Amino acid sequence: MPNNKNPELSKYAEYEEISFVYNEIEWVWTDGALTVNDALKLNR
């Protein structure tokens, strides 16, 4: 949502809120040659 205290921005409509869900994520540090993984585990 734009800053509604700013009159120039009050004319714009609200934004959509979007979210993403991932089963797995991987972090890669290229300067340290380090890779870390994390996976979502569902209890079903």
PDB file of N, CA and C in Angstrom:
ATOM      1  N   MET A   1       0.846  -1.171   0.000  1.00  0.00           N
ATOM      2  CA  MET A   1       0.000   0.000   0.000  1.00  0.00           C
ATOM      3  C   MET A   1       0.891   1.234   0.000  1.00  0.00           C
ATOM      4  N   PRO A   2       0.602   2.215  -0.831  1.00  0.00           N
ATOM      5  CA  PRO A   2       1.397   3.431  -0.837  1.00  0.00           C
ATOM      6  C   PRO A   2       1.266   4.173   0.486  1.00  0.00           C
ATOM      7  N   ASN A   3       2.187   5.062   0.743  1.00  0.00           N
ATOM      8  CA  ASN A   3       2.141   5.893   1.936  1.00  0.00           C
ATOM      9  C   ASN A   3       0.941   6.829   1.815  1.00  0.00           C
ATOM     10  N   ASN A   4      -0.131   6.550   2.554  1.00  0.00           N
ATOM     11  CA  ASN A   4      -1.353   7.339   2.393  1.00  0.00           C
ATOM     12  C   ASN A   4      -1.268   8.703   3.068  1.00  0.00           C
ATOM     13  N   LYS A   5      -0.184   9.002   3.773  1.00  0.00           N
ATOM     14  CA  LYS A   5       0.015  10.339   4.336  1.00  0.00           C
ATOM     15  C   LYS A   5       0.528  11.307   3.280  1.00  0.00           C
ATOM     16  N   ASN A   6       1.009  10.757   2.178  1.00  0.00           N
ATOM     17  CA  ASN A   6       1.489  11.574   1.078  1.00  0.00           C
ATOM     18  C   ASN A   6       0.316  11.789   0.107  1.00  0.00           C
ATOM     19  N   PRO A   7      -0.182  13.036  -0.044  1.00  0.00           N
ATOM     20  CA  PRO A   7      -1.342  13.282  -0.911  1.00  0.00           C
ATOM     21  C   PRO A   7      -1.124  12.861  -2.363  1.00  0.00           C
ATOM     22  N   GLU A   8       0.100  12.891  -2.847  1.00  0.00           N
ATOM     23  CA  GLU A   8       0.377  12.475  -4.218  1.00  0.00           C
ATOM     24  C   GLU A   8       0.129  10.983  -4.427  1.00  0.00           C
ATOM     25  N   LEU A   9       0.280  10.199  -3.373  1.00  0.00           N
ATOM     26  CA  LEU A   9       0.121   8.750  -3.488  1.00  0.00           C
ATOM     27  C   LEU A   9      -1.275   8.261  -3.105  1.00  0.00           C
ATOM     28  N   SER A  10      -2.085   9.103  -2.501  1.00  0.00           N
ATOM     29  CA  SER A  10      -3.405   8.660  -2.021  1.00  0.00           C
ATOM     30  C   SER A  10      -4.361   8.329  -3.161  1.00  0.00           C
ATOM     31  N   LYS A  11      -4.045   8.745  -4.376  1.00  0.00           N
ATOM     32  CA  LYS A  11      -4.933   8.459  -5.513  1.00  0.00           C
ATOM     33  C   LYS A  11      -4.776   7.043  -6.056  1.00  0.00           C
ATOM     34  N   TYR A  12      -3.734   6.323  -5.617  1.00  0.00           N
ATOM     35  CA  TYR A  12      -3.494   4.968  -6.108  1.00  0.00           C
ATOM     36  C   TYR A  12      -4.265   3.949  -5.290  1.00  0.00           C
ATOM     37  N   ALA A  13      -4.743   2.935  -5.973  1.00  0.00           N
ATOM     38  CA  ALA A  13      -5.464   1.850  -5.281  1.00  0.00           C
ATOM     39  C   ALA A  13      -4.490   0.995  -4.478  1.00  0.00           C
ATOM     40  N   GLU A  14      -5.065   0.162  -3.619  1.00  0.00           N
ATOM     41  CA  GLU A  14      -4.241  -0.730  -2.808  1.00  0.00           C
ATOM     42  C   GLU A  14      -3.548  -1.766  -3.675  1.00  0.00           C
ATOM     43  N   TYR A  15      -2.457  -2.281  -3.150  1.00  0.00           N
ATOM     44  CA  TYR A  15      -1.713  -3.327  -3.836  1.00  0.00           C
ATOM     45  C   TYR A  15      -2.241  -4.695  -3.427  1.00  0.00           C
ATOM     46  N   GLU A  16      -1.951  -5.697  -4.241  1.00  0.00           N
ATOM     47  CA  GLU A  16      -2.240  -7.077  -3.880  1.00  0.00           C
ATOM     48  C   GLU A  16      -1.144  -7.599  -2.982  1.00  0.00           C
ATOM     49  N   GLU A  17      -1.492  -8.496  -2.088  1.00  0.00           N
ATOM     50  CA  GLU A  17      -0.489  -9.159  -1.259  1.00  0.00           C
ATOM     51  C   GLU A  17      -0.312 -10.565  -1.791  1.00  0.00           C
ATOM     52  N   ILE A  18       0.920 -10.932  -2.091  1.00  0.00           N
ATOM     53  CA  ILE A  18       1.233 -12.235  -2.669  1.00  0.00           C
ATOM     54  C   ILE A  18       2.268 -12.915  -1.784  1.00  0.00           C
ATOM     55  N   SER A  19       2.117 -14.195  -1.581  1.00  0.00           N
ATOM     56  CA  SER A  19       3.111 -14.952  -0.814  1.00  0.00           C
ATOM     57  C   SER A  19       3.490 -16.208  -1.581  1.00  0.00           C
ATOM     58  N   PHE A  20       4.664 -16.712  -1.281  1.00  0.00           N
ATOM     59  CA  PHE A  20       5.179 -17.919  -1.922  1.00  0.00           C
ATOM     60  C   PHE A  20       5.539 -18.932  -0.845  1.00  0.00           C
ATOM     61  N   VAL A  21       5.328 -20.198  -1.140  1.00  0.00           N
ATOM     62  CA  VAL A  21       5.697 -21.279  -0.235  1.00  0.00           C
ATOM     63  C   VAL A  21       6.585 -22.240  -1.012  1.00  0.00           C
ATOM     64  N   TYR A  22       7.714 -22.534  -0.441  1.00  0.00           N
ATOM     65  CA  TYR A  22       8.668 -23.428  -1.085  1.00  0.00           C
ATOM     66  C   TYR A  22       8.853 -24.684  -0.242  1.00  0.00           C
ATOM     67  N   ASN A  23       9.125 -25.798  -0.909  1.00  0.00           N
ATOM     68  CA  ASN A  23       9.410 -27.041  -0.199  1.00  0.00           C
ATOM     69  C   ASN A  23      10.849 -27.113   0.259  1.00  0.00           C
ATOM     70  N   GLU A  24      11.716 -26.426  -0.461  1.00  0.00           N
ATOM     71  CA  GLU A  24      13.141 -26.485  -0.134  1.00  0.00           C
ATOM     72  C   GLU A  24      13.773 -25.149  -0.493  1.00  0.00           C
ATOM     73  N   ILE A  25      14.795 -24.774   0.297  1.00  0.00           N
ATOM     74  CA  ILE A  25      15.548 -23.558   0.027  1.00  0.00           C
ATOM     75  C   ILE A  25      17.032 -23.867   0.137  1.00  0.00           C
ATOM     76  N   GLU A  26      17.819 -23.180  -0.656  1.00  0.00           N
ATOM     77  CA  GLU A  26      19.270 -23.393  -0.635  1.00  0.00           C
ATOM     78  C   GLU A  26      19.969 -22.038  -0.588  1.00  0.00           C
ATOM     79  N   TRP A  27      20.877 -21.868   0.370  1.00  0.00           N
ATOM     80  CA  TRP A  27      21.696 -20.672   0.477  1.00  0.00           C
ATOM     81  C   TRP A  27      23.081 -21.005  -0.043  1.00  0.00           C
ATOM     82  N   VAL A  28      23.630 -20.130  -0.869  1.00  0.00           N
ATOM     83  CA  VAL A  28      24.958 -20.347  -1.433  1.00  0.00           C
ATOM     84  C   VAL A  28      25.803 -19.106  -1.167  1.00  0.00           C
ATOM     85  N   TRP A  29      26.918 -19.283  -0.457  1.00  0.00           N
ATOM     86  CA  TRP A  29      27.893 -18.222  -0.236  1.00  0.00           C
ATOM     87  C   TRP A  29      29.054 -18.483  -1.190  1.00  0.00           C
ATOM     88  N   THR A  30      29.140 -17.664  -2.227  1.00  0.00           N
ATOM     89  CA  THR A  30      30.149 -17.899  -3.257  1.00  0.00           C
ATOM     90  C   THR A  30      31.552 -17.538  -2.784  1.00  0.00           C
ATOM     91  N   ASP A  31      31.675 -16.571  -1.875  1.00  0.00           N
ATOM     92  CA  ASP A  31      33.017 -16.185  -1.436  1.00  0.00           C
ATOM     93  C   ASP A  31      33.602 -17.156  -0.420  1.00  0.00           C
ATOM     94  N   GLY A  32      32.757 -17.982   0.206  1.00  0.00           N
ATOM     95  CA  GLY A  32      33.252 -18.939   1.190  1.00  0.00           C
ATOM     96  C   GLY A  32      33.075 -20.382   0.757  1.00  0.00           C
ATOM     97  N   ALA A  33      32.570 -20.591  -0.461  1.00  0.00           N
ATOM     98  CA  ALA A  33      32.331 -21.931  -0.994  1.00  0.00           C
ATOM     99  C   ALA A  33      31.490 -22.763  -0.021  1.00  0.00           C
ATOM    100  N   LEU A  34      30.417 -22.148   0.496  1.00  0.00           N
ATOM    101  CA  LEU A  34      29.544 -22.811   1.462  1.00  0.00           C
ATOM    102  C   LEU A  34      28.136 -22.878   0.894  1.00  0.00           C
ATOM    103  N   THR A  35      27.502 -24.041   1.009  1.00  0.00           N
ATOM    104  CA  THR A  35      26.126 -24.246   0.567  1.00  0.00           C
ATOM    105  C   THR A  35      25.351 -24.915   1.697  1.00  0.00           C
ATOM    106  N   VAL A  36      24.144 -24.385   1.979  1.00  0.00           N
ATOM    107  CA  VAL A  36      23.304 -24.937   3.040  1.00  0.00           C
ATOM    108  C   VAL A  36      21.908 -25.148   2.466  1.00  0.00           C
ATOM    109  N   ASN A  37      21.289 -26.295   2.778  1.00  0.00           N
ATOM    110  CA  ASN A  37      19.927 -26.617   2.349  1.00  0.00           C
ATOM    111  C   ASN A  37      19.013 -26.749   3.552  1.00  0.00           C
ATOM    112  N   ASP A  38      17.760 -26.457   3.332  1.00  0.00           N
ATOM    113  CA  ASP A  38      16.730 -26.685   4.343  1.00  0.00           C
ATOM    114  C   ASP A  38      15.472 -27.101   3.608  1.00  0.00           C
ATOM    115  N   ALA A  39      14.802 -28.150   4.082  1.00  0.00           N
ATOM    116  CA  ALA A  39      13.602 -28.652   3.422  1.00  0.00           C
ATOM    117  C   ALA A  39      12.442 -28.632   4.390  1.00  0.00           C
ATOM    118  N   LEU A  40      11.271 -28.342   3.871  1.00  0.00           N
ATOM    119  CA  LEU A  40      10.036 -28.355   4.646  1.00  0.00           C
ATOM    120  C   LEU A  40       9.611 -29.794   4.898  1.00  0.00           C
ATOM    121  N   LYS A  41       9.318 -30.100   6.158  1.00  0.00           N
ATOM    122  CA  LYS A  41       8.847 -31.438   6.505  1.00  0.00           C
ATOM    123  C   LYS A  41       7.419 -31.314   6.996  1.00  0.00           C
ATOM    124  N   LEU A  42       6.496 -31.949   6.298  1.00  0.00           N
ATOM    125  CA  LEU A  42       5.086 -31.896   6.660  1.00  0.00           C
ATOM    126  C   LEU A  42       4.718 -33.105   7.511  1.00  0.00           C
ATOM    127  N   ASN A  43       3.978 -32.865   8.566  1.00  0.00           N
ATOM    128  CA  ASN A  43       3.480 -33.948   9.418  1.00  0.00           C
ATOM    129  C   ASN A  43       2.095 -34.327   8.933  1.00  0.00           C
ATOM    130  N   ARG A  44       1.998 -35.398   8.177  1.00  0.00           N
ATOM    131  CA  ARG A  44       0.700 -35.853   7.655  1.00  0.00           C
ATOM    132  C   ARG A  44       0.448 -37.263   8.077  1.00  0.00           C
TER     133      ARG A  44
END
